[in-house]
Every structure is written in C-alpha cells, then in structure tokens.
Amino acid sequence: MNNKLKVYRALHDLTQEQLAVALGVTRQTIIAIEKKKYDPSLDLAFKIARYFNVTIEEIFSPDDGR
C-alpha cells in the first residue's frame, strides 16, 4: 500500500517517535509503514487519519500492482 505518512509527519514537524507515542504504537511500526514494509490495520489507519484530520484516502492508496 502506498502512503504519504512521512509527508504528513514532516508537514507537522513530528519525529517518528513523537507520532508513534501519539498513536500508541512503536517507532518501528511508523518506520515500517513509511517504508511500505507493513500495512496498518484499519483501526490504525483511522487513528492516523484522525490524528492529521484528513481522510484515510488522503494518506493511503492501494498499490497499482506494478
């Protein structure tokens, strides 16, 4: 899954650790999502979207399969 988590994190001047604490996950989870090594659960995707006050679709989009 493609995502713009790193972009939104940078726009809000947050470290990976700060975002992880705010969302109740580990820094490693944030790193894995940003590197597209881990797709977040629907619950976590909603938490991320709510945190940045955007829709899930604004942060996450499906891979195009290429």
PDB file of N, CA and C in Angstrom:
ATOM      1  N   MET A   1       0.842  -1.173   0.000  1.00  0.00           N
ATOM      2  CA  MET A   1       0.000   0.000   0.000  1.00  0.00           C
ATOM      3  C   MET A   1       0.892   1.242   0.000  1.00  0.00           C
ATOM      4  N   ASN A   2       0.580   2.152  -0.877  1.00  0.00           N
ATOM      5  CA  ASN A   2       1.307   3.418  -0.912  1.00  0.00           C
ATOM      6  C   ASN A   2       0.787   4.316   0.210  1.00  0.00           C
ATOM      7  N   ASN A   3       1.655   5.181   0.693  1.00  0.00           N
ATOM      8  CA  ASN A   3       1.204   6.100   1.734  1.00  0.00           C
ATOM      9  C   ASN A   3       2.036   7.377   1.730  1.00  0.00           C
ATOM     10  N   LYS A   4       1.451   8.400   2.323  1.00  0.00           N
ATOM     11  CA  LYS A   4       2.099   9.705   2.444  1.00  0.00           C
ATOM     12  C   LYS A   4       2.365  10.036   3.910  1.00  0.00           C
ATOM     13  N   LEU A   5       2.545   9.004   4.712  1.00  0.00           N
ATOM     14  CA  LEU A   5       2.727   9.225   6.148  1.00  0.00           C
ATOM     15  C   LEU A   5       3.936  10.102   6.437  1.00  0.00           C
ATOM     16  N   LYS A   6       5.032   9.842   5.770  1.00  0.00           N
ATOM     17  CA  LYS A   6       6.243  10.632   6.004  1.00  0.00           C
ATOM     18  C   LYS A   6       6.013  12.098   5.643  1.00  0.00           C
ATOM     19  N   VAL A   7       5.265  12.341   4.572  1.00  0.00           N
ATOM     20  CA  VAL A   7       4.957  13.711   4.145  1.00  0.00           C
ATOM     21  C   VAL A   7       4.134  14.424   5.215  1.00  0.00           C
ATOM     22  N   TYR A   8       3.076  13.772   5.677  1.00  0.00           N
ATOM     23  CA  TYR A   8       2.228  14.383   6.706  1.00  0.00           C
ATOM     24  C   TYR A   8       2.991  14.582   8.011  1.00  0.00           C
ATOM     25  N   ARG A   9       3.841  13.636   8.344  1.00  0.00           N
ATOM     26  CA  ARG A   9       4.647  13.759   9.562  1.00  0.00           C
ATOM     27  C   ARG A   9       5.571  14.970   9.457  1.00  0.00           C
ATOM     28  N   ALA A  10       6.193  15.142   8.284  1.00  0.00           N
ATOM     29  CA  ALA A  10       7.096  16.278   8.074  1.00  0.00           C
ATOM     30  C   ALA A  10       6.332  17.606   8.093  1.00  0.00           C
ATOM     31  N   LEU A  11       5.155  17.624   7.490  1.00  0.00           N
ATOM     32  CA  LEU A  11       4.346  18.845   7.481  1.00  0.00           C
ATOM     33  C   LEU A  11       3.978  19.296   8.896  1.00  0.00           C
ATOM     34  N   HIS A  12       3.855  18.346   9.792  1.00  0.00           N
ATOM     35  CA  HIS A  12       3.509  18.656  11.180  1.00  0.00           C
ATOM     36  C   HIS A  12       4.736  18.682  12.092  1.00  0.00           C
ATOM     37  N   ASP A  13       5.914  18.619  11.482  1.00  0.00           N
ATOM     38  CA  ASP A  13       7.181  18.707  12.216  1.00  0.00           C
ATOM     39  C   ASP A  13       7.253  17.701  13.366  1.00  0.00           C
ATOM     40  N   LEU A  14       6.917  16.445  13.044  1.00  0.00           N
ATOM     41  CA  LEU A  14       6.931  15.384  14.047  1.00  0.00           C
ATOM     42  C   LEU A  14       8.040  14.385  13.761  1.00  0.00           C
ATOM     43  N   THR A  15       8.661  13.895  14.809  1.00  0.00           N
ATOM     44  CA  THR A  15       9.604  12.789  14.642  1.00  0.00           C
ATOM     45  C   THR A  15       8.793  11.490  14.579  1.00  0.00           C
ATOM     46  N   GLN A  16       9.450  10.432  14.140  1.00  0.00           N
ATOM     47  CA  GLN A  16       8.788   9.128  14.136  1.00  0.00           C
ATOM     48  C   GLN A  16       8.383   8.749  15.553  1.00  0.00           C
ATOM     49  N   GLU A  17       9.236   9.027  16.501  1.00  0.00           N
ATOM     50  CA  GLU A  17       8.955   8.701  17.904  1.00  0.00           C
ATOM     51  C   GLU A  17       7.750   9.475  18.426  1.00  0.00           C
ATOM     52  N   GLN A  18       7.675  10.765  18.130  1.00  0.00           N
ATOM     53  CA  GLN A  18       6.549  11.576  18.595  1.00  0.00           C
ATOM     54  C   GLN A  18       5.228  11.059  18.037  1.00  0.00           C
ATOM     55  N   LEU A  19       5.223  10.726  16.749  1.00  0.00           N
ATOM     56  CA  LEU A  19       3.999  10.212  16.137  1.00  0.00           C
ATOM     57  C   LEU A  19       3.634   8.856  16.728  1.00  0.00           C
ATOM     58  N   ALA A  20       4.628   8.015  16.925  1.00  0.00           N
ATOM     59  CA  ALA A  20       4.384   6.691  17.498  1.00  0.00           C
ATOM     60  C   ALA A  20       3.734   6.802  18.876  1.00  0.00           C
ATOM     61  N   VAL A  21       4.264   7.670  19.712  1.00  0.00           N
ATOM     62  CA  VAL A  21       3.705   7.863  21.056  1.00  0.00           C
ATOM     63  C   VAL A  21       2.265   8.365  20.963  1.00  0.00           C
ATOM     64  N   ALA A  22       2.021   9.322  20.087  1.00  0.00           N
ATOM     65  CA  ALA A  22       0.678   9.883  19.938  1.00  0.00           C
ATOM     66  C   ALA A  22      -0.334   8.831  19.479  1.00  0.00           C
ATOM     67  N   LEU A  23       0.131   7.876  18.676  1.00  0.00           N
ATOM     68  CA  LEU A  23      -0.764   6.849  18.138  1.00  0.00           C
ATOM     69  C   LEU A  23      -0.794   5.580  18.981  1.00  0.00           C
ATOM     70  N   GLY A  24       0.103   5.484  19.948  1.00  0.00           N
ATOM     71  CA  GLY A  24       0.148   4.301  20.794  1.00  0.00           C
ATOM     72  C   GLY A  24       0.774   3.091  20.126  1.00  0.00           C
ATOM     73  N   VAL A  25       1.743   3.346  19.239  1.00  0.00           N
ATOM     74  CA  VAL A  25       2.472   2.264  18.567  1.00  0.00           C
ATOM     75  C   VAL A  25       3.966   2.484  18.765  1.00  0.00           C
ATOM     76  N   THR A  26       4.772   1.573  18.251  1.00  0.00           N
ATOM     77  CA  THR A  26       6.219   1.729  18.370  1.00  0.00           C
ATOM     78  C   THR A  26       6.769   2.548  17.208  1.00  0.00           C
ATOM     79  N   ARG A  27       7.946   3.090  17.421  1.00  0.00           N
ATOM     80  CA  ARG A  27       8.640   3.809  16.355  1.00  0.00           C
ATOM     81  C   ARG A  27       8.893   2.881  15.175  1.00  0.00           C
ATOM     82  N   GLN A  28       9.175   1.617  15.467  1.00  0.00           N
ATOM     83  CA  GLN A  28       9.426   0.640  14.408  1.00  0.00           C
ATOM     84  C   GLN A  28       8.197   0.455  13.521  1.00  0.00           C
ATOM     85  N   THR A  29       7.011   0.562  14.102  1.00  0.00           N
ATOM     86  CA  THR A  29       5.779   0.470  13.310  1.00  0.00           C
ATOM     87  C   THR A  29       5.695   1.630  12.331  1.00  0.00           C
ATOM     88  N   ILE A  30       5.999   2.831  12.793  1.00  0.00           N
ATOM     89  CA  ILE A  30       5.971   4.013  11.923  1.00  0.00           C
ATOM     90  C   ILE A  30       6.991   3.853  10.800  1.00  0.00           C
ATOM     91  N   ILE A  31       8.184   3.407  11.135  1.00  0.00           N
ATOM     92  CA  ILE A  31       9.226   3.193  10.127  1.00  0.00           C
ATOM     93  C   ILE A  31       8.749   2.190   9.084  1.00  0.00           C
ATOM     94  N   ALA A  32       8.183   1.082   9.540  1.00  0.00           N
ATOM     95  CA  ALA A  32       7.736   0.031   8.621  1.00  0.00           C
ATOM     96  C   ALA A  32       6.621   0.521   7.703  1.00  0.00           C
ATOM     97  N   ILE A  33       5.705   1.324   8.228  1.00  0.00           N
ATOM     98  CA  ILE A  33       4.631   1.873   7.389  1.00  0.00           C
ATOM     99  C   ILE A  33       5.223   2.820   6.353  1.00  0.00           C
ATOM    100  N   GLU A  34       6.106   3.711   6.781  1.00  0.00           N
ATOM    101  CA  GLU A  34       6.707   4.673   5.854  1.00  0.00           C
ATOM    102  C   GLU A  34       7.497   3.988   4.747  1.00  0.00           C
ATOM    103  N   LYS A  35       8.133   2.873   5.069  1.00  0.00           N
ATOM    104  CA  LYS A  35       8.936   2.146   4.075  1.00  0.00           C
ATOM    105  C   LYS A  35       8.116   1.124   3.292  1.00  0.00           C
ATOM    106  N   LYS A  36       6.800   1.117   3.512  1.00  0.00           N
ATOM    107  CA  LYS A  36       5.884   0.189   2.841  1.00  0.00           C
ATOM    108  C   LYS A  36       6.214  -1.271   3.131  1.00  0.00           C
ATOM    109  N   LYS A  37       6.764  -1.533   4.308  1.00  0.00           N
ATOM    110  CA  LYS A  37       7.057  -2.902   4.742  1.00  0.00           C
ATOM    111  C   LYS A  37       5.888  -3.472   5.544  1.00  0.00           C
ATOM    112  N   TYR A  38       4.979  -2.598   5.969  1.00  0.00           N
ATOM    113  CA  TYR A  38       3.859  -3.009   6.814  1.00  0.00           C
ATOM    114  C   TYR A  38       2.636  -2.180   6.456  1.00  0.00           C
ATOM    115  N   ASP A  39       1.519  -2.855   6.209  1.00  0.00           N
ATOM    116  CA  ASP A  39       0.249  -2.167   6.000  1.00  0.00           C
ATOM    117  C   ASP A  39      -0.472  -2.094   7.343  1.00  0.00           C
ATOM    118  N   PRO A  40      -0.850  -0.895   7.764  1.00  0.00           N
ATOM    119  CA  PRO A  40      -1.502  -0.772   9.064  1.00  0.00           C
ATOM    120  C   PRO A  40      -2.882  -1.421   9.066  1.00  0.00           C
ATOM    121  N   SER A  41      -3.325  -1.805  10.243  1.00  0.00           N
ATOM    122  CA  SER A  41      -4.696  -2.301  10.393  1.00  0.00           C
ATOM    123  C   SER A  41      -5.650  -1.156  10.078  1.00  0.00           C
ATOM    124  N   LEU A  42      -6.895  -1.494   9.835  1.00  0.00           N
ATOM    125  CA  LEU A  42      -7.888  -0.462   9.569  1.00  0.00           C
ATOM    126  C   LEU A  42      -8.010   0.480  10.762  1.00  0.00           C
ATOM    127  N   ASP A  43      -7.954  -0.078  11.957  1.00  0.00           N
ATOM    128  CA  ASP A  43      -8.024   0.733  13.173  1.00  0.00           C
ATOM    129  C   ASP A  43      -6.877   1.741  13.233  1.00  0.00           C
ATOM    130  N   LEU A  44      -5.667   1.286  12.941  1.00  0.00           N
ATOM    131  CA  LEU A  44      -4.514   2.190  12.970  1.00  0.00           C
ATOM    132  C   LEU A  44      -4.595   3.215  11.846  1.00  0.00           C
ATOM    133  N   ALA A  45      -5.059   2.806  10.675  1.00  0.00           N
ATOM    134  CA  ALA A  45      -5.215   3.752   9.564  1.00  0.00           C
ATOM    135  C   ALA A  45      -6.187   4.866   9.945  1.00  0.00           C
ATOM    136  N   PHE A  46      -7.289   4.505  10.617  1.00  0.00           N
ATOM    137  CA  PHE A  46      -8.234   5.516  11.090  1.00  0.00           C
ATOM    138  C   PHE A  46      -7.587   6.432  12.121  1.00  0.00           C
ATOM    139  N   LYS A  47      -6.811   5.872  13.044  1.00  0.00           N
ATOM    140  CA  LYS A  47      -6.128   6.694  14.052  1.00  0.00           C
ATOM    141  C   LYS A  47      -5.193   7.703  13.394  1.00  0.00           C
ATOM    142  N   ILE A  48      -4.448   7.240  12.396  1.00  0.00           N
ATOM    143  CA  ILE A  48      -3.511   8.121  11.691  1.00  0.00           C
ATOM    144  C   ILE A  48      -4.273   9.233  10.987  1.00  0.00           C
ATOM    145  N   ALA A  49      -5.328   8.878  10.272  1.00  0.00           N
ATOM    146  CA  ALA A  49      -6.119   9.879   9.549  1.00  0.00           C
ATOM    147  C   ALA A  49      -6.730  10.892  10.512  1.00  0.00           C
ATOM    148  N   ARG A  50      -7.282  10.406  11.618  1.00  0.00           N
ATOM    149  CA  ARG A  50      -7.868  11.317  12.607  1.00  0.00           C
ATOM    150  C   ARG A  50      -6.814  12.242  13.208  1.00  0.00           C
ATOM    151  N   TYR A  51      -5.641  11.693  13.471  1.00  0.00           N
ATOM    152  CA  TYR A  51      -4.569  12.498  14.060  1.00  0.00           C
ATOM    153  C   TYR A  51      -4.234  13.692  13.169  1.00  0.00           C
ATOM    154  N   PHE A  52      -4.171  13.446  11.849  1.00  0.00           N
ATOM    155  CA  PHE A  52      -3.824  14.514  10.910  1.00  0.00           C
ATOM    156  C   PHE A  52      -5.056  15.247  10.375  1.00  0.00           C
ATOM    157  N   ASN A  53      -6.247  14.845  10.845  1.00  0.00           N
ATOM    158  CA  ASN A  53      -7.501  15.475  10.436  1.00  0.00           C
ATOM    159  C   ASN A  53      -7.708  15.421   8.921  1.00  0.00           C
ATOM    160  N   VAL A  54      -7.466  14.252   8.351  1.00  0.00           N
ATOM    161  CA  VAL A  54      -7.667  14.014   6.919  1.00  0.00           C
ATOM    162  C   VAL A  54      -8.386  12.674   6.759  1.00  0.00           C
ATOM    163  N   THR A  55      -8.755  12.348   5.528  1.00  0.00           N
ATOM    164  CA  THR A  55      -9.364  11.046   5.275  1.00  0.00           C
ATOM    165  C   THR A  55      -8.270   9.995   5.112  1.00  0.00           C
ATOM    166  N   ILE A  56      -8.641   8.752   5.290  1.00  0.00           N
ATOM    167  CA  ILE A  56      -7.684   7.660   5.079  1.00  0.00           C
ATOM    168  C   ILE A  56      -7.132   7.720   3.661  1.00  0.00           C
ATOM    169  N   GLU A  57      -8.002   8.017   2.691  1.00  0.00           N
ATOM    170  CA  GLU A  57      -7.592   8.055   1.289  1.00  0.00           C
ATOM    171  C   GLU A  57      -6.546   9.125   0.997  1.00  0.00           C
ATOM    172  N   GLU A  58      -6.510  10.167   1.808  1.00  0.00           N
ATOM    173  CA  GLU A  58      -5.506  11.212   1.611  1.00  0.00           C
ATOM    174  C   GLU A  58      -4.117  10.742   2.029  1.00  0.00           C
ATOM    175  N   ILE A  59      -4.041   9.751   2.883  1.00  0.00           N
ATOM    176  CA  ILE A  59      -2.753   9.228   3.342  1.00  0.00           C
ATOM    177  C   ILE A  59      -2.398   7.913   2.664  1.00  0.00           C
ATOM    178  N   PHE A  60      -3.392   7.032   2.526  1.00  0.00           N
ATOM    179  CA  PHE A  60      -3.132   5.692   1.995  1.00  0.00           C
ATOM    180  C   PHE A  60      -3.830   5.471   0.663  1.00  0.00           C
ATOM    181  N   SER A  61      -3.148   4.769  -0.237  1.00  0.00           N
ATOM    182  CA  SER A  61      -3.752   4.370  -1.507  1.00  0.00           C
ATOM    183  C   SER A  61      -3.220   2.991  -1.882  1.00  0.00           C
ATOM    184  N   PRO A  62      -4.030   2.211  -2.588  1.00  0.00           N
ATOM    185  CA  PRO A  62      -3.577   0.865  -2.948  1.00  0.00           C
ATOM    186  C   PRO A  62      -2.420   0.905  -3.940  1.00  0.00           C
ATOM    187  N   ASP A  63      -1.566  -0.121  -3.873  1.00  0.00           N
ATOM    188  CA  ASP A  63      -0.515  -0.266  -4.883  1.00  0.00           C
ATOM    189  C   ASP A  63      -1.182  -0.497  -6.223  1.00  0.00           C
ATOM    190  N   ASP A  64      -0.534  -0.051  -7.277  1.00  0.00           N
ATOM    191  CA  ASP A  64      -1.112  -0.268  -8.605  1.00  0.00           C
ATOM    192  C   ASP A  64      -0.755  -1.636  -9.175  1.00  0.00           C
ATOM    193  N   GLY A  65      -0.004  -2.437  -8.428  1.00  0.00           N
ATOM    194  CA  GLY A  65       0.314  -3.792  -8.849  1.00  0.00           C
ATOM    195  C   GLY A  65       1.481  -3.920  -9.795  1.00  0.00           C
ATOM    196  N   ARG A  66       2.187  -2.848 -10.029  1.00  0.00           N
ATOM    197  CA  ARG A  66       3.332  -2.893 -10.954  1.00  0.00           C
ATOM    198  C   ARG A  66       4.598  -3.233 -10.248  1.00  0.00           C
TER     199      ARG A  66
END
